[in-house]
Amino acid sequence: MSKEVKQIETMGYIKKEEWLSDITNNIIQNTLVLESSHPFPGYHGENLPENACPRSLFLIIEKKHSFEDIARINKKISKTFTFDFNASQGTIHFKTGNYDCIRIKYLKSFTFLPELQNLYKQEGIVFSKHKKINDNAIIVINKNFCLKEVEDTVYQDKEEPTKFYIELPNQLSWEDFKHLTAYVKNNIDNSNFDAAQGVFYRKSGIADVIRLYIKEKEEQEVKQIHKLYLENINRKLI
């Protein structure tokens, strides 16, 4: 008798490092919109989104809004905006300063962006003024997760099956996470994966996770990567 697959819907955040640049076309004039041209910098392969479509876009806003505020606005906008999109509240950390943002995904064309921005404006969102940015940043995105449990403490994203989440026994600092990820990549046959930190808010308590972006149907490699992280997380390697 096959084991019943556990489905999980929860909230949390992802913390990642990406290179962001400002865009100037197909936006409301004099607003600051950033794009990640390579949203999974540790991965190189054929599964990445099409170049013609926007990848991760970040609408920079003047005032910080809560996760709940943005979620309510998103629900209202989705009733009139006829194109697919996913929006999450977050913060971008550059060495020169921090920016509050709305992260936009799944938009099929840049030409839809001004309409979406205007809908946010109608809901009281004030966009930051444009400035030239081309720099590395640490990004924290608060979001909902829809998961299925592959095995104990290993999860797959139901909406994006190339994303897996492996649970850790304790929290890692950002520097320890980067150091340990470099070690894992140097000690596994297939190092072609991207890693980010994350947290799930569960009834049993906070779960610290690592988000893996990896080639589809490579579940066995996810288990090997998880094993390497767990074996070395408490050693002096970090």
Protein backbone atom coordinates (compact mmCIF):
# COMPACT_ATOMS: atom_id res chain seq x y z
CA MET A 1 0.00 0.00 0.00
CA SER A 2 1.52 3.30 -1.10
CA LYS A 3 2.14 6.00 1.47
CA GLU A 4 -0.25 8.94 1.34
CA VAL A 5 1.52 12.09 0.11
CA LYS A 6 1.27 14.86 2.69
CA GLN A 7 0.22 18.23 1.28
CA ILE A 8 1.34 21.35 3.15
CA GLU A 9 0.28 24.96 2.78
CA THR A 10 2.18 27.40 4.96
CA MET A 11 3.81 30.81 5.16
CA GLY A 12 7.43 31.84 5.53
CA TYR A 13 10.23 33.56 3.71
CA ILE A 14 13.12 32.99 1.33
CA LYS A 15 16.47 34.76 1.69
CA LYS A 16 18.69 34.78 -1.39
CA GLU A 17 21.48 36.69 -3.09
CA GLU A 18 21.05 38.02 -6.65
CA TRP A 19 22.31 40.74 -8.96
CA LEU A 20 19.65 43.40 -9.59
CA SER A 21 19.44 46.12 -12.24
CA ASP A 22 16.97 48.92 -12.85
CA ILE A 23 14.75 48.84 -15.92
CA THR A 24 13.50 51.92 -17.77
CA ASN A 25 11.07 50.61 -20.42
CA ASN A 26 7.47 49.48 -19.90
CA ILE A 27 7.15 51.04 -16.45
CA ILE A 28 5.39 54.09 -15.04
CA GLN A 29 7.72 57.00 -15.72
CA ASN A 30 10.16 57.87 -12.93
CA THR A 31 9.46 54.79 -10.81
CA LEU A 32 12.07 52.34 -9.59
CA VAL A 33 11.67 48.78 -10.85
CA LEU A 34 14.49 46.27 -10.53
CA GLU A 35 14.97 43.02 -12.42
CA SER A 36 16.96 39.90 -11.63
CA SER A 37 18.33 38.73 -14.97
CA HIS A 38 19.53 35.45 -13.44
CA PRO A 39 17.25 34.56 -10.49
CA PHE A 40 18.99 31.24 -9.73
CA PRO A 41 22.70 32.14 -9.96
CA GLY A 42 23.93 28.76 -8.73
CA TYR A 43 22.11 26.87 -11.50
CA HIS A 44 22.99 26.71 -15.20
CA GLY A 45 20.66 24.74 -17.42
CA GLU A 46 17.65 24.56 -19.70
CA ASN A 47 14.93 24.92 -17.06
CA LEU A 48 15.33 28.65 -16.58
CA PRO A 49 12.48 30.93 -17.73
CA GLU A 50 12.41 32.26 -21.28
CA ASN A 51 14.54 35.36 -21.81
CA ALA A 52 11.65 37.20 -23.48
CA CYS A 53 9.53 37.06 -20.32
CA PRO A 54 10.12 39.05 -17.16
CA ARG A 55 11.76 36.93 -14.49
CA SER A 56 11.69 38.33 -10.98
CA LEU A 57 10.67 41.99 -10.93
CA PHE A 58 10.83 44.18 -7.84
CA LEU A 59 8.59 47.23 -7.53
CA ILE A 60 10.39 49.49 -5.06
CA ILE A 61 7.97 51.26 -2.72
CA GLU A 62 8.35 54.29 -0.46
CA LYS A 63 6.55 52.91 2.57
CA LYS A 64 6.83 49.46 4.13
CA HIS A 65 3.58 47.50 3.94
CA SER A 66 2.88 44.33 5.89
CA PHE A 67 2.52 40.90 4.35
CA GLU A 68 -1.21 41.07 5.10
CA ASP A 69 -1.62 44.51 3.49
CA ILE A 70 0.00 43.38 0.24
CA ALA A 71 -1.96 40.11 0.26
CA ARG A 72 -5.24 42.01 0.56
CA ILE A 73 -4.26 44.40 -2.23
CA ASN A 74 -3.18 41.48 -4.44
CA LYS A 75 -6.56 39.80 -3.96
CA LYS A 76 -8.38 42.97 -4.96
CA ILE A 77 -6.16 43.62 -7.98
CA SER A 78 -6.51 40.05 -9.25
CA LYS A 79 -10.24 40.65 -9.77
CA THR A 80 -9.60 43.30 -12.44
CA PHE A 81 -6.10 42.55 -13.76
CA THR A 82 -6.64 39.98 -16.53
CA PHE A 83 -3.10 38.59 -16.70
CA ASP A 84 -1.40 36.01 -14.49
CA PHE A 85 0.95 37.32 -11.83
CA ASN A 86 2.19 36.48 -8.37
CA ALA A 87 3.16 39.20 -5.92
CA SER A 88 4.89 39.01 -2.55
CA GLN A 89 6.08 41.54 0.01
CA GLY A 90 9.80 41.79 0.71
CA THR A 91 12.94 43.76 1.46
CA ILE A 92 16.10 44.22 -0.60
CA HIS A 93 19.41 44.80 1.18
CA PHE A 94 22.19 46.55 -0.73
CA LYS A 95 25.44 47.62 0.90
CA THR A 96 24.31 51.21 0.34
CA GLY A 97 20.85 50.82 1.88
CA ASN A 98 17.61 48.87 2.17
CA TYR A 99 14.51 49.01 -0.03
CA ASP A 100 10.99 47.75 0.60
CA CYS A 101 9.47 46.05 -2.40
CA ILE A 102 6.71 44.05 -4.04
CA ARG A 103 8.22 41.09 -5.89
CA ILE A 104 6.36 40.19 -9.10
CA LYS A 105 6.60 36.78 -10.80
CA TYR A 106 4.83 34.95 -13.66
CA LEU A 107 4.08 38.10 -15.66
CA LYS A 108 4.12 36.99 -19.31
CA SER A 109 5.12 40.33 -20.83
CA PHE A 110 6.81 43.55 -19.73
CA THR A 111 4.03 45.45 -21.53
CA PHE A 112 1.57 44.43 -18.78
CA LEU A 113 3.64 46.06 -16.06
CA PRO A 114 2.42 49.71 -16.25
CA GLU A 115 -1.20 48.57 -15.88
CA LEU A 116 -0.26 46.50 -12.85
CA GLN A 117 1.66 49.40 -11.31
CA ASN A 118 -1.33 51.71 -11.81
CA LEU A 119 -3.60 49.24 -10.01
CA TYR A 120 -1.22 49.28 -7.05
CA LYS A 121 -1.19 53.09 -7.14
CA GLN A 122 -4.98 53.11 -6.96
CA GLU A 123 -4.67 51.07 -3.74
CA GLY A 124 -2.38 53.65 -2.14
CA ILE A 125 1.01 52.17 -3.01
CA VAL A 126 3.62 54.89 -3.58
CA PHE A 127 6.55 53.90 -5.78
CA SER A 128 10.10 55.13 -5.21
CA LYS A 129 11.59 57.44 -7.80
CA HIS A 130 13.89 55.96 -10.42
CA LYS A 131 17.61 55.76 -9.85
CA LYS A 132 20.39 53.84 -11.55
CA ILE A 133 21.10 50.53 -9.78
CA ASN A 134 23.27 47.64 -10.91
CA ASP A 135 24.49 45.75 -7.87
CA ASN A 136 24.44 42.58 -5.83
CA ALA A 137 21.77 42.35 -3.12
CA ILE A 138 20.43 40.09 -0.41
CA ILE A 139 16.68 39.69 -0.91
CA VAL A 140 14.13 38.56 1.68
CA ILE A 141 10.71 37.63 0.26
CA ASN A 142 7.75 36.79 2.51
CA LYS A 143 5.42 34.37 0.76
CA ASN A 144 3.01 31.46 0.86
CA PHE A 145 4.23 27.93 0.13
CA CYS A 146 2.26 25.04 -1.34
CA LEU A 147 4.28 21.86 -0.81
CA LYS A 148 4.18 18.10 -0.92
CA GLU A 149 6.31 16.03 1.43
CA VAL A 150 8.74 13.85 -0.59
CA GLU A 151 10.02 12.22 2.58
CA ASP A 152 10.52 13.29 6.17
CA THR A 153 11.96 16.86 6.18
CA VAL A 154 12.20 17.02 2.34
CA TYR A 155 9.54 18.92 0.41
CA GLN A 156 8.78 19.73 -3.23
CA ASP A 157 7.06 22.89 -4.42
CA LYS A 158 3.72 21.95 -5.99
CA GLU A 159 3.63 25.08 -8.18
CA GLU A 160 7.29 24.98 -9.25
CA PRO A 161 8.46 21.33 -9.23
CA THR A 162 12.11 22.26 -9.82
CA LYS A 163 12.16 23.73 -6.30
CA PHE A 164 12.79 21.52 -3.29
CA TYR A 165 13.12 22.42 0.38
CA ILE A 166 15.32 20.51 2.80
CA GLU A 167 14.84 21.01 6.53
CA LEU A 168 17.77 21.73 8.84
CA PRO A 169 18.04 20.97 12.57
CA ASN A 170 18.93 24.56 13.43
CA GLN A 171 19.36 28.04 12.00
CA LEU A 172 22.50 29.01 10.08
CA SER A 173 23.92 32.50 9.83
CA TRP A 174 24.09 33.87 6.29
CA GLU A 175 27.87 33.44 6.16
CA ASP A 176 27.68 29.88 7.52
CA PHE A 177 25.01 29.05 4.95
CA LYS A 178 27.21 30.34 2.11
CA HIS A 179 30.29 28.51 3.44
CA LEU A 180 28.42 25.23 3.88
CA THR A 181 26.77 25.49 0.44
CA ALA A 182 30.19 25.99 -1.18
CA TYR A 183 31.46 22.90 0.67
CA VAL A 184 28.49 20.81 -0.47
CA LYS A 185 28.92 21.92 -4.09
CA ASN A 186 32.61 20.95 -3.98
CA ASN A 187 31.88 17.49 -2.59
CA ILE A 188 29.05 16.22 -4.79
CA ASP A 189 29.12 14.87 -8.35
CA ASN A 190 26.43 17.20 -9.68
CA SER A 191 26.87 20.68 -8.24
CA ASN A 192 24.43 22.28 -10.68
CA PHE A 193 21.89 23.60 -8.20
CA ASP A 194 21.01 26.94 -6.68
CA ALA A 195 20.50 27.29 -2.93
CA ALA A 196 18.74 29.88 -0.80
CA GLN A 197 17.84 30.09 2.87
CA GLY A 198 14.26 29.90 4.06
CA VAL A 199 11.86 29.52 6.95
CA PHE A 200 8.47 27.82 7.22
CA TYR A 201 6.06 28.81 10.00
CA ARG A 202 4.54 25.50 11.12
CA LYS A 203 2.21 24.58 13.98
CA SER A 204 5.08 22.64 15.56
CA GLY A 205 7.36 25.70 15.38
CA ILE A 206 9.72 27.42 12.95
CA ALA A 207 11.37 25.13 10.42
CA ASP A 208 14.68 26.33 8.96
CA VAL A 209 15.07 25.15 5.37
CA ILE A 210 17.28 25.44 2.34
CA ARG A 211 15.52 26.00 -0.98
CA LEU A 212 17.11 24.07 -3.84
CA TYR A 213 16.52 24.88 -7.49
CA ILE A 214 17.57 21.79 -9.40
CA LYS A 215 16.87 19.95 -12.66
CA GLU A 216 13.37 18.49 -12.75
CA LYS A 217 12.97 14.86 -11.66
CA GLU A 218 16.32 14.87 -9.83
CA GLU A 219 14.77 13.85 -6.51
CA GLN A 220 17.57 11.43 -5.67
CA GLU A 221 20.16 14.20 -5.95
CA VAL A 222 18.12 16.33 -3.56
CA LYS A 223 18.38 13.55 -0.97
CA GLN A 224 22.16 13.37 -1.47
CA ILE A 225 22.49 17.14 -1.09
CA HIS A 226 20.36 17.04 2.05
CA LYS A 227 22.54 14.27 3.50
CA LEU A 228 25.71 16.31 2.90
CA TYR A 229 24.25 19.40 4.56
CA LEU A 230 23.15 17.40 7.59
CA GLU A 231 26.47 15.54 7.93
CA ASN A 232 28.46 18.74 7.99
CA ILE A 233 26.20 21.30 9.62
CA ASN A 234 27.61 20.72 13.12
CA ARG A 235 31.22 20.22 12.13
CA LYS A 236 33.92 22.88 12.18
CA LEU A 237 33.57 23.22 8.40
CA ILE A 238 31.29 26.14 9.11
